[in-house]
Amino acid sequence: MCVERGVCYVAYGEAACREARLSIQSLRLFNNLPVTVIGEPVVGAEHIEFPRMDAGGRWAKLNVDLLTPYELTAYIDADAWPMTDISAGFEIVSDGWDMAITASTNQGRDLFWHVGEEERAATLVELGYNLLQLQAGVIFIGKSQGTARLFSAWRCEWIRWKGQDQAALMRALATVPARVWLLDKSWNGGSIISHRWGAIRRTQ
């Protein structure tokens, strides 16, 4: 039987597993939720083995909709720490939204600054409009046809360059419109879920 609500992380390598363990400890100070780690085992969580296809574990992340054992899932980057009750995110997707996610702080000239130049240029040309970049380090999703279509398109777009995932997400949303709820910045890098951006890379 599928559990209604839970949290999924992706962790490969010593640094990511350490960050995930610390994040889980913080999560459980404020939330009574089951936790699953995709990739390598982490103390305090269930484990789903999944082959590592890229350095950042993004392919695993883009398969969360297929791998999650939960009806409603909070995907959280390993280096992001829940600092309070996160139940409001689950309530949003249970109300019929396909995804709840935060807008990136990098917009305008800084749009996709971390994405490879070829992919960045192609994305801007293909979409042909000024877009709002989303930050995919914290995502709430529910199991639905809309979510399945969106993640399928996201995987197809990511495979084109196999790099970062944000530009691929924006291209996917252009082809598979979805009901996306914008969380404010406190949910990714703020008071609700803090984010230690680069913590994993700095220690590898």
N, C-alpha and C. Protein backbone atom coordinates (compact mmCIF):
# COMPACT_ATOMS: atom_id res chain seq x y z
N MET A 1 0.84 -1.19 0.00
CA MET A 1 0.00 0.00 0.00
C MET A 1 0.88 1.24 0.00
N CYS A 2 0.55 2.21 -0.82
CA CYS A 2 1.35 3.41 -0.94
C CYS A 2 1.09 4.34 0.25
N VAL A 3 2.16 4.81 0.88
CA VAL A 3 2.06 5.76 1.98
C VAL A 3 1.68 7.12 1.41
N GLU A 4 0.84 7.86 2.13
CA GLU A 4 0.32 9.09 1.57
C GLU A 4 1.40 10.16 1.40
N ARG A 5 2.20 10.43 2.44
CA ARG A 5 3.15 11.54 2.38
C ARG A 5 4.54 11.08 2.81
N GLY A 6 5.55 11.61 2.14
CA GLY A 6 6.92 11.30 2.52
C GLY A 6 7.90 12.18 1.79
N VAL A 7 9.16 12.06 2.17
CA VAL A 7 10.24 12.88 1.63
C VAL A 7 11.24 12.01 0.90
N CYS A 8 11.68 12.46 -0.26
CA CYS A 8 12.71 11.76 -1.03
C CYS A 8 13.94 12.64 -1.21
N TYR A 9 15.09 12.01 -1.02
CA TYR A 9 16.38 12.63 -1.31
C TYR A 9 17.08 11.80 -2.38
N VAL A 10 18.06 12.40 -3.04
CA VAL A 10 18.98 11.68 -3.91
C VAL A 10 20.37 11.89 -3.33
N ALA A 11 21.10 10.81 -3.12
CA ALA A 11 22.44 10.94 -2.55
C ALA A 11 23.37 9.88 -3.13
N TYR A 12 24.46 10.36 -3.71
CA TYR A 12 25.54 9.50 -4.18
C TYR A 12 26.86 10.07 -3.67
N GLY A 13 27.68 9.23 -3.08
CA GLY A 13 28.97 9.69 -2.60
C GLY A 13 28.93 10.11 -1.15
N GLU A 14 30.11 10.14 -0.53
CA GLU A 14 30.22 10.40 0.90
C GLU A 14 29.66 11.76 1.30
N ALA A 15 29.99 12.80 0.54
CA ALA A 15 29.55 14.15 0.91
C ALA A 15 28.04 14.28 0.84
N ALA A 16 27.44 13.77 -0.24
CA ALA A 16 25.99 13.88 -0.39
C ALA A 16 25.27 13.06 0.67
N CYS A 17 25.78 11.89 1.00
CA CYS A 17 25.14 11.06 2.03
C CYS A 17 25.24 11.73 3.39
N ARG A 18 26.37 12.38 3.67
CA ARG A 18 26.49 13.10 4.93
C ARG A 18 25.49 14.25 5.01
N GLU A 19 25.38 15.03 3.93
CA GLU A 19 24.43 16.14 3.90
C GLU A 19 23.00 15.64 4.04
N ALA A 20 22.68 14.55 3.37
CA ALA A 20 21.32 13.99 3.47
C ALA A 20 21.03 13.55 4.90
N ARG A 21 22.00 12.93 5.55
CA ARG A 21 21.80 12.49 6.94
C ARG A 21 21.52 13.69 7.85
N LEU A 22 22.26 14.77 7.68
CA LEU A 22 22.04 15.97 8.49
C LEU A 22 20.70 16.61 8.18
N SER A 23 20.31 16.61 6.90
CA SER A 23 19.02 17.17 6.52
C SER A 23 17.88 16.36 7.13
N ILE A 24 18.01 15.05 7.10
CA ILE A 24 16.98 14.18 7.68
C ILE A 24 16.85 14.43 9.18
N GLN A 25 17.97 14.61 9.85
CA GLN A 25 17.93 14.90 11.28
C GLN A 25 17.17 16.19 11.55
N SER A 26 17.41 17.22 10.73
CA SER A 26 16.71 18.49 10.88
C SER A 26 15.22 18.32 10.55
N LEU A 27 14.92 17.60 9.47
CA LEU A 27 13.53 17.34 9.09
C LEU A 27 12.74 16.75 10.25
N ARG A 28 13.33 15.78 10.93
CA ARG A 28 12.60 15.04 11.95
C ARG A 28 12.46 15.79 13.27
N LEU A 29 13.11 16.92 13.40
CA LEU A 29 12.86 17.77 14.56
C LEU A 29 11.48 18.40 14.50
N PHE A 30 10.94 18.53 13.27
CA PHE A 30 9.70 19.28 13.08
C PHE A 30 8.62 18.49 12.34
N ASN A 31 8.96 17.35 11.75
CA ASN A 31 8.03 16.62 10.90
C ASN A 31 8.10 15.13 11.19
N ASN A 32 6.95 14.49 11.29
CA ASN A 32 6.88 13.05 11.46
C ASN A 32 6.54 12.43 10.10
N LEU A 33 7.56 12.29 9.26
CA LEU A 33 7.36 11.81 7.90
C LEU A 33 8.34 10.69 7.57
N PRO A 34 7.91 9.70 6.79
CA PRO A 34 8.86 8.70 6.31
C PRO A 34 9.80 9.31 5.28
N VAL A 35 10.99 8.76 5.20
CA VAL A 35 12.03 9.30 4.32
C VAL A 35 12.62 8.18 3.49
N THR A 36 12.84 8.45 2.22
CA THR A 36 13.48 7.52 1.31
C THR A 36 14.64 8.21 0.62
N VAL A 37 15.78 7.55 0.55
CA VAL A 37 16.94 8.06 -0.18
C VAL A 37 17.15 7.20 -1.42
N ILE A 38 17.20 7.85 -2.55
CA ILE A 38 17.47 7.18 -3.82
C ILE A 38 18.96 7.29 -4.09
N GLY A 39 19.59 6.17 -4.38
CA GLY A 39 21.02 6.18 -4.65
C GLY A 39 21.76 5.27 -3.71
N GLU A 40 22.38 5.85 -2.66
CA GLU A 40 23.14 5.08 -1.69
C GLU A 40 22.46 5.12 -0.33
N PRO A 41 22.67 4.10 0.49
CA PRO A 41 22.02 4.06 1.81
C PRO A 41 22.47 5.22 2.69
N VAL A 42 21.51 5.74 3.47
CA VAL A 42 21.77 6.79 4.45
C VAL A 42 21.09 6.39 5.74
N VAL A 43 21.79 6.51 6.85
CA VAL A 43 21.24 6.16 8.15
C VAL A 43 19.98 6.97 8.42
N GLY A 44 18.92 6.30 8.85
CA GLY A 44 17.69 6.98 9.20
C GLY A 44 16.67 7.06 8.09
N ALA A 45 16.93 6.38 6.97
CA ALA A 45 16.00 6.45 5.83
C ALA A 45 15.90 5.11 5.13
N GLU A 46 14.76 4.89 4.49
CA GLU A 46 14.64 3.76 3.58
C GLU A 46 15.52 4.03 2.36
N HIS A 47 15.84 2.98 1.63
CA HIS A 47 16.80 3.12 0.53
C HIS A 47 16.23 2.49 -0.74
N ILE A 48 16.36 3.22 -1.85
CA ILE A 48 16.05 2.69 -3.17
C ILE A 48 17.32 2.73 -4.00
N GLU A 49 17.81 1.58 -4.38
CA GLU A 49 19.02 1.52 -5.22
C GLU A 49 18.66 1.94 -6.64
N PHE A 50 19.48 2.82 -7.19
CA PHE A 50 19.24 3.31 -8.54
C PHE A 50 20.59 3.65 -9.14
N PRO A 51 20.87 3.17 -10.37
CA PRO A 51 22.20 3.40 -10.94
C PRO A 51 22.49 4.88 -11.17
N ARG A 52 23.70 5.26 -10.87
CA ARG A 52 24.12 6.65 -11.06
C ARG A 52 24.48 6.86 -12.52
N MET A 53 23.75 7.80 -13.16
CA MET A 53 23.94 8.03 -14.59
C MET A 53 24.73 9.30 -14.88
N ASP A 54 24.94 10.15 -13.86
CA ASP A 54 25.63 11.42 -14.07
C ASP A 54 26.24 11.85 -12.75
N ALA A 55 27.16 12.82 -12.81
CA ALA A 55 27.92 13.21 -11.62
C ALA A 55 27.03 13.78 -10.53
N GLY A 56 26.00 14.55 -10.91
CA GLY A 56 25.18 15.21 -9.91
C GLY A 56 23.98 14.42 -9.43
N GLY A 57 23.75 13.24 -9.98
CA GLY A 57 22.59 12.46 -9.59
C GLY A 57 21.28 13.01 -10.12
N ARG A 58 21.35 13.83 -11.17
CA ARG A 58 20.13 14.47 -11.67
C ARG A 58 19.19 13.50 -12.36
N TRP A 59 19.75 12.46 -12.99
CA TRP A 59 18.87 11.48 -13.63
C TRP A 59 17.99 10.79 -12.59
N ALA A 60 18.56 10.49 -11.43
CA ALA A 60 17.76 9.91 -10.35
C ALA A 60 16.68 10.88 -9.91
N LYS A 61 17.03 12.13 -9.76
CA LYS A 61 16.07 13.16 -9.36
C LYS A 61 14.92 13.25 -10.35
N LEU A 62 15.22 13.16 -11.63
CA LEU A 62 14.19 13.28 -12.66
C LEU A 62 13.34 12.02 -12.79
N ASN A 63 13.69 11.00 -12.03
CA ASN A 63 12.88 9.78 -11.97
C ASN A 63 12.15 9.64 -10.63
N VAL A 64 12.16 10.69 -9.83
CA VAL A 64 11.51 10.63 -8.51
C VAL A 64 10.04 10.29 -8.64
N ASP A 65 9.37 10.79 -9.66
CA ASP A 65 7.94 10.51 -9.81
C ASP A 65 7.67 9.02 -9.99
N LEU A 66 8.63 8.29 -10.59
CA LEU A 66 8.48 6.86 -10.80
C LEU A 66 8.95 6.05 -9.59
N LEU A 67 9.94 6.56 -8.87
CA LEU A 67 10.57 5.81 -7.81
C LEU A 67 9.92 6.03 -6.44
N THR A 68 9.33 7.19 -6.24
CA THR A 68 8.79 7.49 -4.91
C THR A 68 7.74 6.48 -4.46
N PRO A 69 7.78 6.07 -3.21
CA PRO A 69 6.74 5.18 -2.69
C PRO A 69 5.55 5.95 -2.11
N TYR A 70 5.54 7.27 -2.27
CA TYR A 70 4.53 8.10 -1.61
C TYR A 70 3.55 8.69 -2.63
N GLU A 71 2.31 8.83 -2.21
CA GLU A 71 1.31 9.50 -3.06
C GLU A 71 1.63 10.98 -3.22
N LEU A 72 2.09 11.60 -2.15
CA LEU A 72 2.51 13.00 -2.15
C LEU A 72 3.96 13.03 -1.69
N THR A 73 4.81 13.64 -2.49
CA THR A 73 6.25 13.58 -2.24
C THR A 73 6.84 14.97 -2.14
N ALA A 74 7.69 15.17 -1.14
CA ALA A 74 8.56 16.33 -1.10
C ALA A 74 9.95 15.87 -1.51
N TYR A 75 10.42 16.31 -2.70
CA TYR A 75 11.80 16.06 -3.07
C TYR A 75 12.63 17.21 -2.49
N ILE A 76 13.68 16.89 -1.77
CA ILE A 76 14.55 17.90 -1.16
C ILE A 76 16.00 17.56 -1.48
N ASP A 77 16.75 18.54 -2.00
CA ASP A 77 18.18 18.34 -2.24
C ASP A 77 18.85 17.92 -0.94
N ALA A 78 19.90 17.10 -1.06
CA ALA A 78 20.57 16.60 0.12
C ALA A 78 21.15 17.71 0.99
N ASP A 79 21.54 18.84 0.37
CA ASP A 79 22.13 19.93 1.15
C ASP A 79 21.12 21.01 1.53
N ALA A 80 19.84 20.66 1.52
CA ALA A 80 18.78 21.58 1.96
C ALA A 80 18.19 21.02 3.26
N TRP A 81 18.00 21.89 4.26
CA TRP A 81 17.59 21.45 5.59
C TRP A 81 16.23 22.02 5.96
N PRO A 82 15.21 21.20 6.14
CA PRO A 82 13.93 21.69 6.66
C PRO A 82 14.11 22.24 8.07
N MET A 83 13.58 23.43 8.30
CA MET A 83 13.77 24.11 9.57
C MET A 83 12.48 24.28 10.36
N THR A 84 11.38 23.73 9.82
CA THR A 84 10.09 23.84 10.49
C THR A 84 9.12 22.84 9.84
N ASP A 85 7.86 22.93 10.17
CA ASP A 85 6.82 22.07 9.61
C ASP A 85 6.66 22.36 8.11
N ILE A 86 6.71 21.34 7.27
CA ILE A 86 6.58 21.54 5.82
C ILE A 86 5.26 21.00 5.27
N SER A 87 4.30 20.77 6.15
CA SER A 87 3.04 20.14 5.71
C SER A 87 2.27 20.99 4.71
N ALA A 88 2.45 22.31 4.72
CA ALA A 88 1.71 23.16 3.77
C ALA A 88 2.04 22.80 2.33
N GLY A 89 3.27 22.38 2.06
CA GLY A 89 3.64 21.97 0.69
C GLY A 89 2.84 20.77 0.23
N PHE A 90 2.61 19.82 1.12
CA PHE A 90 1.80 18.65 0.77
C PHE A 90 0.34 19.04 0.55
N GLU A 91 -0.15 19.98 1.34
CA GLU A 91 -1.53 20.41 1.19
C GLU A 91 -1.77 21.03 -0.19
N ILE A 92 -0.78 21.74 -0.69
CA ILE A 92 -0.92 22.39 -2.00
C ILE A 92 -1.12 21.34 -3.09
N VAL A 93 -0.25 20.32 -3.14
CA VAL A 93 -0.38 19.33 -4.21
C VAL A 93 -1.58 18.42 -3.98
N SER A 94 -1.98 18.23 -2.72
CA SER A 94 -3.18 17.43 -2.48
C SER A 94 -4.43 18.15 -2.96
N ASP A 95 -4.32 19.45 -3.14
CA ASP A 95 -5.45 20.25 -3.61
C ASP A 95 -5.55 20.27 -5.13
N GLY A 96 -4.68 19.52 -5.83
CA GLY A 96 -4.80 19.38 -7.27
C GLY A 96 -3.70 20.01 -8.09
N TRP A 97 -2.73 20.66 -7.45
CA TRP A 97 -1.61 21.23 -8.19
C TRP A 97 -0.62 20.12 -8.54
N ASP A 98 -0.02 20.20 -9.73
CA ASP A 98 0.92 19.16 -10.15
C ASP A 98 2.27 19.30 -9.45
N MET A 99 2.65 20.53 -9.15
CA MET A 99 3.97 20.78 -8.59
C MET A 99 3.94 22.06 -7.77
N ALA A 100 4.66 22.06 -6.66
CA ALA A 100 4.90 23.28 -5.89
C ALA A 100 6.40 23.48 -5.83
N ILE A 101 6.87 24.65 -6.22
CA ILE A 101 8.30 24.88 -6.42
C ILE A 101 8.59 26.36 -6.24
N THR A 102 9.83 26.69 -5.97
CA THR A 102 10.23 28.08 -5.73
C THR A 102 10.89 28.66 -6.97
N ALA A 103 10.67 29.94 -7.22
CA ALA A 103 11.38 30.64 -8.29
C ALA A 103 12.83 30.86 -7.88
N SER A 104 13.73 30.78 -8.83
CA SER A 104 15.14 31.02 -8.57
C SER A 104 15.39 32.50 -8.29
N THR A 105 16.44 32.78 -7.53
CA THR A 105 16.86 34.17 -7.35
C THR A 105 17.60 34.68 -8.58
N ASN A 106 17.99 33.76 -9.47
CA ASN A 106 18.73 34.14 -10.67
C ASN A 106 17.76 34.34 -11.84
N GLN A 107 17.52 35.59 -12.16
CA GLN A 107 16.61 35.94 -13.24
C GLN A 107 17.29 36.98 -14.13
N GLY A 108 16.63 37.35 -15.22
CA GLY A 108 17.17 38.40 -16.07
C GLY A 108 18.53 38.04 -16.64
N ARG A 109 19.51 38.87 -16.40
CA ARG A 109 20.86 38.61 -16.91
C ARG A 109 21.48 37.35 -16.33
N ASP A 110 21.06 36.98 -15.13
CA ASP A 110 21.62 35.80 -14.46
C ASP A 110 20.86 34.52 -14.78
N LEU A 111 19.88 34.60 -15.66
CA LEU A 111 19.07 33.43 -16.01
C LEU A 111 19.96 32.30 -16.53
N PHE A 112 19.82 31.13 -15.91
CA PHE A 112 20.58 29.94 -16.33
C PHE A 112 22.09 30.18 -16.36
N TRP A 113 22.60 30.98 -15.44
CA TRP A 113 24.04 31.30 -15.44
C TRP A 113 24.90 30.05 -15.30
N HIS A 114 24.37 29.02 -14.65
CA HIS A 114 25.14 27.81 -14.37
C HIS A 114 24.94 26.73 -15.44
N VAL A 115 24.09 27.00 -16.41
CA VAL A 115 23.81 26.04 -17.48
C VAL A 115 24.82 26.24 -18.60
N GLY A 116 25.20 25.15 -19.26
CA GLY A 116 26.14 25.25 -20.37
C GLY A 116 25.66 26.24 -21.42
N GLU A 117 26.58 26.95 -22.04
CA GLU A 117 26.22 28.03 -22.95
C GLU A 117 25.38 27.55 -24.13
N GLU A 118 25.70 26.38 -24.67
CA GLU A 118 24.93 25.87 -25.81
C GLU A 118 23.48 25.60 -25.41
N GLU A 119 23.29 24.95 -24.26
CA GLU A 119 21.93 24.64 -23.80
C GLU A 119 21.19 25.92 -23.44
N ARG A 120 21.88 26.84 -22.78
CA ARG A 120 21.24 28.11 -22.39
C ARG A 120 20.74 28.85 -23.63
N ALA A 121 21.60 28.98 -24.65
CA ALA A 121 21.22 29.70 -25.86
C ALA A 121 20.07 29.01 -26.57
N ALA A 122 20.13 27.69 -26.66
CA ALA A 122 19.07 26.94 -27.34
C ALA A 122 17.75 27.08 -26.60
N THR A 123 17.79 27.06 -25.29
CA THR A 123 16.57 27.17 -24.49
C THR A 123 15.90 28.52 -24.72
N LEU A 124 16.67 29.58 -24.70
CA LEU A 124 16.12 30.93 -24.89
C LEU A 124 15.54 31.10 -26.28
N VAL A 125 16.20 30.52 -27.29
CA VAL A 125 15.70 30.61 -28.66
C VAL A 125 14.43 29.79 -28.81
N GLU A 126 14.43 28.57 -28.30
CA GLU A 126 13.28 27.68 -28.47
C GLU A 126 12.04 28.22 -27.76
N LEU A 127 12.22 28.77 -26.58
CA LEU A 127 11.06 29.27 -25.84
C LEU A 127 10.62 30.62 -26.37
N GLY A 128 11.54 31.48 -26.71
CA GLY A 128 11.21 32.72 -27.39
C GLY A 128 10.49 33.76 -26.55
N TYR A 129 10.58 33.65 -25.24
CA TYR A 129 9.94 34.65 -24.38
C TYR A 129 10.74 34.77 -23.08
N ASN A 130 10.53 35.88 -22.39
CA ASN A 130 11.18 36.07 -21.09
C ASN A 130 10.52 35.14 -20.08
N LEU A 131 11.30 34.29 -19.47
CA LEU A 131 10.72 33.28 -18.60
C LEU A 131 11.19 33.46 -17.16
N LEU A 132 10.48 32.82 -16.27
CA LEU A 132 10.80 32.82 -14.86
C LEU A 132 11.51 31.51 -14.54
N GLN A 133 12.79 31.57 -14.22
CA GLN A 133 13.52 30.35 -13.90
C GLN A 133 13.07 29.82 -12.55
N LEU A 134 12.87 28.51 -12.49
CA LEU A 134 12.48 27.84 -11.25
C LEU A 134 13.69 27.16 -10.63
N GLN A 135 13.68 27.04 -9.30
CA GLN A 135 14.79 26.43 -8.57
C GLN A 135 14.32 25.05 -8.11
N ALA A 136 14.90 24.02 -8.67
CA ALA A 136 14.36 22.67 -8.49
C ALA A 136 15.00 21.89 -7.34
N GLY A 137 15.49 22.59 -6.33
CA GLY A 137 16.08 21.91 -5.18
C GLY A 137 15.06 21.45 -4.15
N VAL A 138 13.86 22.01 -4.20
CA VAL A 138 12.75 21.61 -3.34
C VAL A 138 11.50 21.55 -4.21
N ILE A 139 10.89 20.38 -4.33
CA ILE A 139 9.72 20.21 -5.18
C ILE A 139 8.71 19.33 -4.46
N PHE A 140 7.48 19.77 -4.41
CA PHE A 140 6.38 18.94 -3.92
C PHE A 140 5.59 18.45 -5.13
N ILE A 141 5.32 17.16 -5.20
CA ILE A 141 4.55 16.59 -6.30
C ILE A 141 3.57 15.56 -5.77
N GLY A 142 2.52 15.33 -6.53
CA GLY A 142 1.59 14.26 -6.25
C GLY A 142 1.57 13.29 -7.42
N LYS A 143 1.15 12.08 -7.18
CA LYS A 143 1.02 11.12 -8.28
C LYS A 143 -0.22 11.47 -9.09
N SER A 144 -0.02 11.84 -10.34
CA SER A 144 -1.13 12.22 -11.21
C SER A 144 -0.68 12.09 -12.65
N GLN A 145 -1.63 12.10 -13.56
CA GLN A 145 -1.29 12.05 -14.99
C GLN A 145 -0.49 13.28 -15.39
N GLY A 146 -0.85 14.44 -14.83
CA GLY A 146 -0.14 15.67 -15.15
C GLY A 146 1.31 15.61 -14.72
N THR A 147 1.54 15.12 -13.51
CA THR A 147 2.91 14.99 -13.02
C THR A 147 3.70 14.00 -13.86
N ALA A 148 3.09 12.88 -14.19
CA ALA A 148 3.77 11.86 -15.00
C ALA A 148 4.17 12.42 -16.36
N ARG A 149 3.27 13.17 -17.00
CA ARG A 149 3.59 13.75 -18.31
C ARG A 149 4.72 14.77 -18.20
N LEU A 150 4.67 15.60 -17.15
CA LEU A 150 5.69 16.62 -16.98
C LEU A 150 7.07 16.00 -16.74
N PHE A 151 7.15 15.02 -15.85
CA PHE A 151 8.45 14.41 -15.57
C PHE A 151 8.98 13.64 -16.78
N SER A 152 8.09 13.03 -17.54
CA SER A 152 8.52 12.34 -18.76
C SER A 152 9.14 13.33 -19.74
N ALA A 153 8.50 14.48 -19.92
CA ALA A 153 9.04 15.51 -20.80
C ALA A 153 10.33 16.08 -20.24
N TRP A 154 10.40 16.24 -18.92
CA TRP A 154 11.62 16.75 -18.28
C TRP A 154 12.79 15.81 -18.54
N ARG A 155 12.56 14.50 -18.43
CA ARG A 155 13.63 13.53 -18.70
C ARG A 155 14.08 13.62 -20.16
N CYS A 156 13.13 13.72 -21.06
CA CYS A 156 13.49 13.81 -22.48
C CYS A 156 14.32 15.05 -22.78
N GLU A 157 13.94 16.17 -22.16
CA GLU A 157 14.69 17.40 -22.38
C GLU A 157 16.07 17.34 -21.74
N TRP A 158 16.18 16.74 -20.56
CA TRP A 158 17.47 16.65 -19.90
C TRP A 158 18.46 15.81 -20.70
N ILE A 159 17.97 14.75 -21.31
CA ILE A 159 18.84 13.85 -22.07
C ILE A 159 19.55 14.57 -23.21
N ARG A 160 18.99 15.66 -23.69
CA ARG A 160 19.61 16.37 -24.82
C ARG A 160 21.02 16.86 -24.49
N TRP A 161 21.25 17.34 -23.27
CA TRP A 161 22.57 17.83 -22.87
C TRP A 161 23.14 17.12 -21.64
N LYS A 162 22.30 16.52 -20.84
CA LYS A 162 22.72 15.79 -19.64
C LYS A 162 23.55 16.66 -18.71
N GLY A 163 23.08 17.89 -18.52
CA GLY A 163 23.79 18.81 -17.65
C GLY A 163 22.97 19.16 -16.42
N GLN A 164 22.76 20.48 -16.20
CA GLN A 164 21.89 20.93 -15.13
C GLN A 164 20.44 20.60 -15.49
N ASP A 165 19.53 20.79 -14.53
CA ASP A 165 18.15 20.37 -14.80
C ASP A 165 17.15 21.50 -14.97
N GLN A 166 17.53 22.76 -14.62
CA GLN A 166 16.53 23.83 -14.63
C GLN A 166 16.08 24.23 -16.03
N ALA A 167 17.01 24.35 -16.97
CA ALA A 167 16.62 24.71 -18.33
C ALA A 167 15.76 23.61 -18.95
N ALA A 168 16.10 22.38 -18.68
CA ALA A 168 15.31 21.25 -19.19
C ALA A 168 13.90 21.30 -18.63
N LEU A 169 13.76 21.69 -17.36
CA LEU A 169 12.43 21.81 -16.76
C LEU A 169 11.62 22.89 -17.46
N MET A 170 12.22 24.01 -17.76
CA MET A 170 11.48 25.09 -18.41
C MET A 170 11.05 24.69 -19.81
N ARG A 171 11.89 23.95 -20.52
CA ARG A 171 11.50 23.48 -21.86
C ARG A 171 10.37 22.46 -21.74
N ALA A 172 10.43 21.61 -20.72
CA ALA A 172 9.37 20.62 -20.52
C ALA A 172 8.04 21.30 -20.22
N LEU A 173 8.08 22.32 -19.39
CA LEU A 173 6.84 23.04 -19.05
C LEU A 173 6.24 23.74 -20.26
N ALA A 174 7.07 24.09 -21.22
CA ALA A 174 6.57 24.74 -22.43
C ALA A 174 5.82 23.76 -23.32
N THR A 175 6.17 22.48 -23.24
CA THR A 175 5.53 21.48 -24.09
C THR A 175 4.42 20.72 -23.37
N VAL A 176 4.54 20.64 -22.03
CA VAL A 176 3.54 19.94 -21.23
C VAL A 176 3.09 20.89 -20.12
N PRO A 177 2.16 21.76 -20.41
CA PRO A 177 1.70 22.70 -19.38
C PRO A 177 1.20 21.96 -18.15
N ALA A 178 1.54 22.51 -16.99
CA ALA A 178 1.15 21.88 -15.73
C ALA A 178 0.69 22.96 -14.76
N ARG A 179 -0.02 22.52 -13.74
CA ARG A 179 -0.46 23.44 -12.69
C ARG A 179 0.67 23.55 -11.68
N VAL A 180 1.37 24.68 -11.71
CA VAL A 180 2.55 24.88 -10.86
C VAL A 180 2.26 25.98 -9.85
N TRP A 181 2.39 25.64 -8.57
CA TRP A 181 2.21 26.61 -7.49
C TRP A 181 3.59 27.15 -7.13
N LEU A 182 3.76 28.47 -7.13
CA LEU A 182 5.02 29.07 -6.78
C LEU A 182 5.10 29.30 -5.27
N LEU A 183 6.01 28.57 -4.65
CA LEU A 183 6.31 28.78 -3.24
C LEU A 183 7.20 30.01 -3.10
N ASP A 184 7.13 30.71 -1.97
CA ASP A 184 8.03 31.85 -1.82
C ASP A 184 9.42 31.36 -1.43
N LYS A 185 10.37 32.28 -1.41
CA LYS A 185 11.78 31.91 -1.26
C LYS A 185 12.12 31.32 0.10
N SER A 186 11.23 31.45 1.07
CA SER A 186 11.49 30.84 2.37
C SER A 186 11.50 29.31 2.28
N TRP A 187 10.94 28.77 1.20
CA TRP A 187 10.87 27.32 1.02
C TRP A 187 12.13 26.73 0.40
N ASN A 188 13.02 27.56 -0.10
CA ASN A 188 14.25 27.04 -0.71
C ASN A 188 15.34 28.09 -0.53
N GLY A 189 16.03 27.97 0.60
CA GLY A 189 17.06 28.94 0.91
C GLY A 189 16.62 29.98 1.91
N GLY A 190 15.56 29.66 2.68
CA GLY A 190 15.04 30.61 3.64
C GLY A 190 14.69 29.97 4.96
N SER A 191 13.68 30.52 5.63
CA SER A 191 13.37 30.11 6.99
C SER A 191 12.65 28.77 7.09
N ILE A 192 11.98 28.33 6.03
CA ILE A 192 11.28 27.04 6.08
C ILE A 192 12.23 25.91 5.70
N ILE A 193 12.92 26.06 4.59
CA ILE A 193 13.95 25.10 4.18
C ILE A 193 15.19 25.89 3.80
N SER A 194 16.23 25.78 4.60
CA SER A 194 17.48 26.44 4.27
C SER A 194 18.21 25.62 3.20
N HIS A 195 19.18 26.23 2.54
CA HIS A 195 19.88 25.51 1.48
C HIS A 195 21.36 25.87 1.53
N ARG A 196 22.16 24.85 1.75
CA ARG A 196 23.62 25.02 1.80
C ARG A 196 24.19 24.79 0.40
N TRP A 197 23.85 25.71 -0.53
CA TRP A 197 24.25 25.54 -1.93
C TRP A 197 25.76 25.35 -2.03
N GLY A 198 26.15 24.30 -2.74
CA GLY A 198 27.57 24.03 -2.96
C GLY A 198 28.23 23.24 -1.86
N ALA A 199 27.52 22.92 -0.78
CA ALA A 199 28.14 22.20 0.33
C ALA A 199 28.69 20.85 -0.10
N ILE A 200 27.98 20.19 -1.00
CA ILE A 200 28.43 18.88 -1.46
C ILE A 200 29.64 19.01 -2.35
N ARG A 201 29.59 19.95 -3.29
CA ARG A 201 30.71 20.12 -4.22
C ARG A 201 31.98 20.59 -3.52
N ARG A 202 31.82 21.43 -2.49
CA ARG A 202 33.00 21.98 -1.79
C ARG A 202 33.77 20.91 -1.03
N THR A 203 33.10 19.81 -0.70
CA THR A 203 33.75 18.79 0.12
C THR A 203 34.06 17.53 -0.68
N GLN A 204 33.87 17.56 -1.97
CA GLN A 204 34.17 16.37 -2.77
C GLN A 204 35.56 16.49 -3.39
